[in-house]
Amino acid sequence: MAVSQGQHQARSAARRKALQLLFESEITGVDCEEIIKDGLYVEEVGIPCEYTLSLITGVSNNKDAIDALIVKTSQNWSLERMPLVDRSILRIATFEMLHIDDVPYSVSINEAVELAKNFGGEDDSSRFVNGVLGQIASHLGEPTGEGGKANGKKAVSRREKKALHG
């Protein structure tokens, strides 16, 4: 099913809001659900939409498996060593790749790279995020194109990945 331009823009905004909330949670030590319930988020985030909530809940509920996959595929990087923003971006995209059926890997990766360009913790955050997510896509059975970028074809079903990885 093709995604309309409006839906694409809405999901991009939802990812940005999810990133801001996950980052705030990392900084404050307060769960995202509590931040939302108590209205503790910054005003510019606005009221989270359904897709933002699904990303936050999904990352929270699957954090251990997501983190294990990130560590497994990020060569010589512990989670603690990664900038907080980059780590949150990787968690969102990895969750999408594992659990959101209608988002091709390439879209998850491209959206994450854009978030890293805009909010990344280091000058080379976008390259780092792209590299780690390309490795995750390969690990999950996604054929990758030149430079490690996923080509959007799903080689392994989401159900098969869940059985393999958690």
Protein backbone atom coordinates (compact mmCIF):
# COMPACT_ATOMS: atom_id res chain seq x y z
CA MET A 1 0.00 0.00 0.00
CA ALA A 2 1.45 3.35 -1.04
CA VAL A 3 1.73 6.06 1.58
CA SER A 4 0.32 9.45 0.65
CA GLN A 5 2.49 12.57 0.86
CA GLY A 6 0.36 13.79 3.77
CA GLN A 7 0.78 10.53 5.67
CA HIS A 8 4.54 10.59 4.99
CA GLN A 9 4.81 14.12 6.41
CA ALA A 10 2.66 13.20 9.41
CA ARG A 11 4.84 10.17 10.16
CA SER A 12 8.01 12.26 9.79
CA ALA A 13 6.60 14.71 12.34
CA ALA A 14 5.57 11.81 14.59
CA ARG A 15 9.11 10.41 14.51
CA ARG A 16 10.51 13.83 15.40
CA LYS A 17 8.10 14.09 18.36
CA ALA A 18 8.96 10.54 19.47
CA LEU A 19 12.65 11.46 19.34
CA GLN A 20 12.09 14.57 21.43
CA LEU A 21 10.09 12.63 24.03
CA LEU A 22 12.57 9.74 24.19
CA PHE A 23 15.43 12.21 24.55
CA GLU A 24 13.60 14.07 27.32
CA SER A 25 12.99 10.75 29.07
CA GLU A 26 16.70 9.86 28.84
CA ILE A 27 17.72 13.25 30.27
CA THR A 28 15.15 13.40 33.09
CA GLY A 29 14.87 9.69 33.92
CA VAL A 30 11.08 9.98 33.69
CA ASP A 31 9.20 7.44 31.52
CA CYS A 32 7.73 8.84 28.30
CA GLU A 33 4.25 7.71 29.29
CA GLU A 34 4.50 9.75 32.49
CA ILE A 35 5.88 12.77 30.61
CA ILE A 36 2.88 12.64 28.28
CA LYS A 37 0.30 11.92 30.99
CA ASP A 38 1.53 14.79 33.15
CA GLY A 39 2.06 17.17 30.20
CA LEU A 40 5.75 17.56 31.04
CA TYR A 41 6.92 17.71 27.42
CA VAL A 42 8.15 20.90 25.83
CA GLU A 43 5.46 22.97 24.17
CA GLU A 44 6.89 22.64 20.66
CA VAL A 45 6.38 18.85 20.80
CA GLY A 46 2.63 19.36 21.08
CA ILE A 47 0.15 16.62 21.86
CA PRO A 48 1.60 13.33 20.57
CA CYS A 49 -0.34 11.70 17.74
CA GLU A 50 -1.20 8.01 17.53
CA TYR A 51 1.93 7.11 15.54
CA THR A 52 4.18 8.95 18.03
CA LEU A 53 2.53 7.02 20.86
CA SER A 54 2.96 3.71 19.04
CA LEU A 55 6.67 4.43 18.51
CA ILE A 56 7.23 5.42 22.13
CA THR A 57 5.28 2.46 23.49
CA GLY A 58 6.97 0.09 21.05
CA VAL A 59 10.46 1.29 21.93
CA SER A 60 9.66 1.11 25.63
CA ASN A 61 8.13 -2.38 25.47
CA ASN A 62 10.92 -3.79 23.28
CA LYS A 63 13.89 -1.77 24.56
CA ASP A 64 16.02 -4.73 25.67
CA ALA A 65 15.70 -6.55 22.32
CA ILE A 66 16.19 -3.32 20.36
CA ASP A 67 19.27 -2.37 22.37
CA ALA A 68 20.73 -5.87 22.01
CA LEU A 69 20.35 -5.67 18.23
CA ILE A 70 21.90 -2.19 18.11
CA VAL A 71 24.88 -3.34 20.18
CA LYS A 72 25.27 -6.50 18.10
CA THR A 73 25.43 -4.54 14.85
CA SER A 74 27.33 -1.42 15.94
CA GLN A 75 30.96 -2.36 15.79
CA ASN A 76 32.99 -1.32 18.84
CA TRP A 77 30.24 0.90 20.25
CA SER A 78 28.49 0.35 23.57
CA LEU A 79 25.10 2.00 24.07
CA GLU A 80 26.57 4.14 26.83
CA ARG A 81 29.19 5.53 24.45
CA MET A 82 26.62 6.62 21.86
CA PRO A 83 25.27 10.17 22.05
CA LEU A 84 21.78 10.16 23.61
CA VAL A 85 20.13 11.59 20.50
CA ASP A 86 21.74 9.03 18.18
CA ARG A 87 20.76 6.19 20.52
CA SER A 88 17.14 7.38 20.57
CA ILE A 89 17.08 7.70 16.77
CA LEU A 90 18.47 4.17 16.41
CA ARG A 91 15.85 2.80 18.81
CA ILE A 92 12.97 4.37 16.87
CA ALA A 93 14.19 3.13 13.49
CA THR A 94 15.05 -0.33 14.81
CA PHE A 95 11.58 -0.64 16.32
CA GLU A 96 10.04 0.33 12.97
CA MET A 97 12.20 -2.18 11.12
CA LEU A 98 11.21 -4.97 13.49
CA HIS A 99 7.54 -4.22 14.07
CA ILE A 100 5.91 -1.76 11.62
CA ASP A 101 4.89 -3.76 8.56
CA ASP A 102 3.96 -0.90 6.25
CA VAL A 103 7.27 0.97 6.61
CA PRO A 104 10.03 -0.33 4.31
CA TYR A 105 13.48 -0.56 5.85
CA SER A 106 14.75 2.10 3.46
CA VAL A 107 12.16 4.57 4.76
CA SER A 108 13.04 3.86 8.39
CA ILE A 109 16.72 4.34 7.58
CA ASN A 110 16.25 7.49 5.50
CA GLU A 111 13.99 9.08 8.13
CA ALA A 112 16.51 8.24 10.87
CA VAL A 113 19.35 9.73 8.83
CA GLU A 114 17.34 12.95 8.40
CA LEU A 115 16.68 13.10 12.15
CA ALA A 116 20.41 12.57 12.76
CA LYS A 117 21.27 15.40 10.34
CA ASN A 118 18.91 17.75 12.17
CA PHE A 119 19.36 16.67 15.78
CA GLY A 120 22.38 14.34 15.91
CA GLY A 121 24.85 14.51 18.73
CA GLU A 122 27.97 14.62 16.54
CA ASP A 123 28.97 15.98 13.12
CA ASP A 124 29.00 12.47 11.67
CA SER A 125 25.80 11.29 13.39
CA SER A 126 23.96 10.77 10.11
CA ARG A 127 26.73 8.52 8.77
CA PHE A 128 26.88 6.59 12.05
CA VAL A 129 23.09 6.10 12.15
CA ASN A 130 23.03 5.05 8.48
CA GLY A 131 25.85 2.55 9.04
CA VAL A 132 24.30 0.93 12.11
CA LEU A 133 20.84 0.72 10.56
CA GLY A 134 22.29 -0.68 7.34
CA GLN A 135 23.92 -3.42 9.42
CA ILE A 136 20.63 -4.07 11.21
CA ALA A 137 18.80 -4.32 7.88
CA SER A 138 21.42 -6.79 6.63
CA HIS A 139 21.21 -8.75 9.87
CA LEU A 140 17.44 -8.98 9.48
CA GLY A 141 17.77 -10.35 5.97
CA GLU A 142 17.32 -7.12 4.04
CA PRO A 143 19.39 -6.93 0.88
CA THR A 144 21.35 -3.69 0.90
CA GLY A 145 22.52 -1.59 -1.96
CA GLU A 146 25.69 0.35 -2.45
CA GLY A 147 27.02 2.01 0.69
CA GLY A 148 24.95 -0.20 2.99
CA LYS A 149 21.67 1.54 2.20
CA ALA A 150 18.68 -0.76 2.31
CA ASN A 151 16.83 -1.09 -0.96
CA GLY A 152 13.35 -1.37 0.56
CA LYS A 153 12.60 -5.02 -0.22
CA LYS A 154 11.57 -7.14 2.73
CA ALA A 155 13.41 -10.45 2.53
CA VAL A 156 12.14 -11.73 5.89
CA SER A 157 8.62 -11.21 7.22
CA ARG A 158 8.14 -9.30 10.47
CA ARG A 159 6.69 -12.43 12.08
CA GLU A 160 9.81 -14.40 11.11
CA LYS A 161 12.04 -11.66 12.52
CA LYS A 162 10.13 -11.66 15.81
CA ALA A 163 10.62 -15.40 16.07
CA LEU A 164 14.34 -15.04 15.35
CA HIS A 165 15.08 -12.02 17.53
CA GLY A 166 12.75 -11.98 20.43
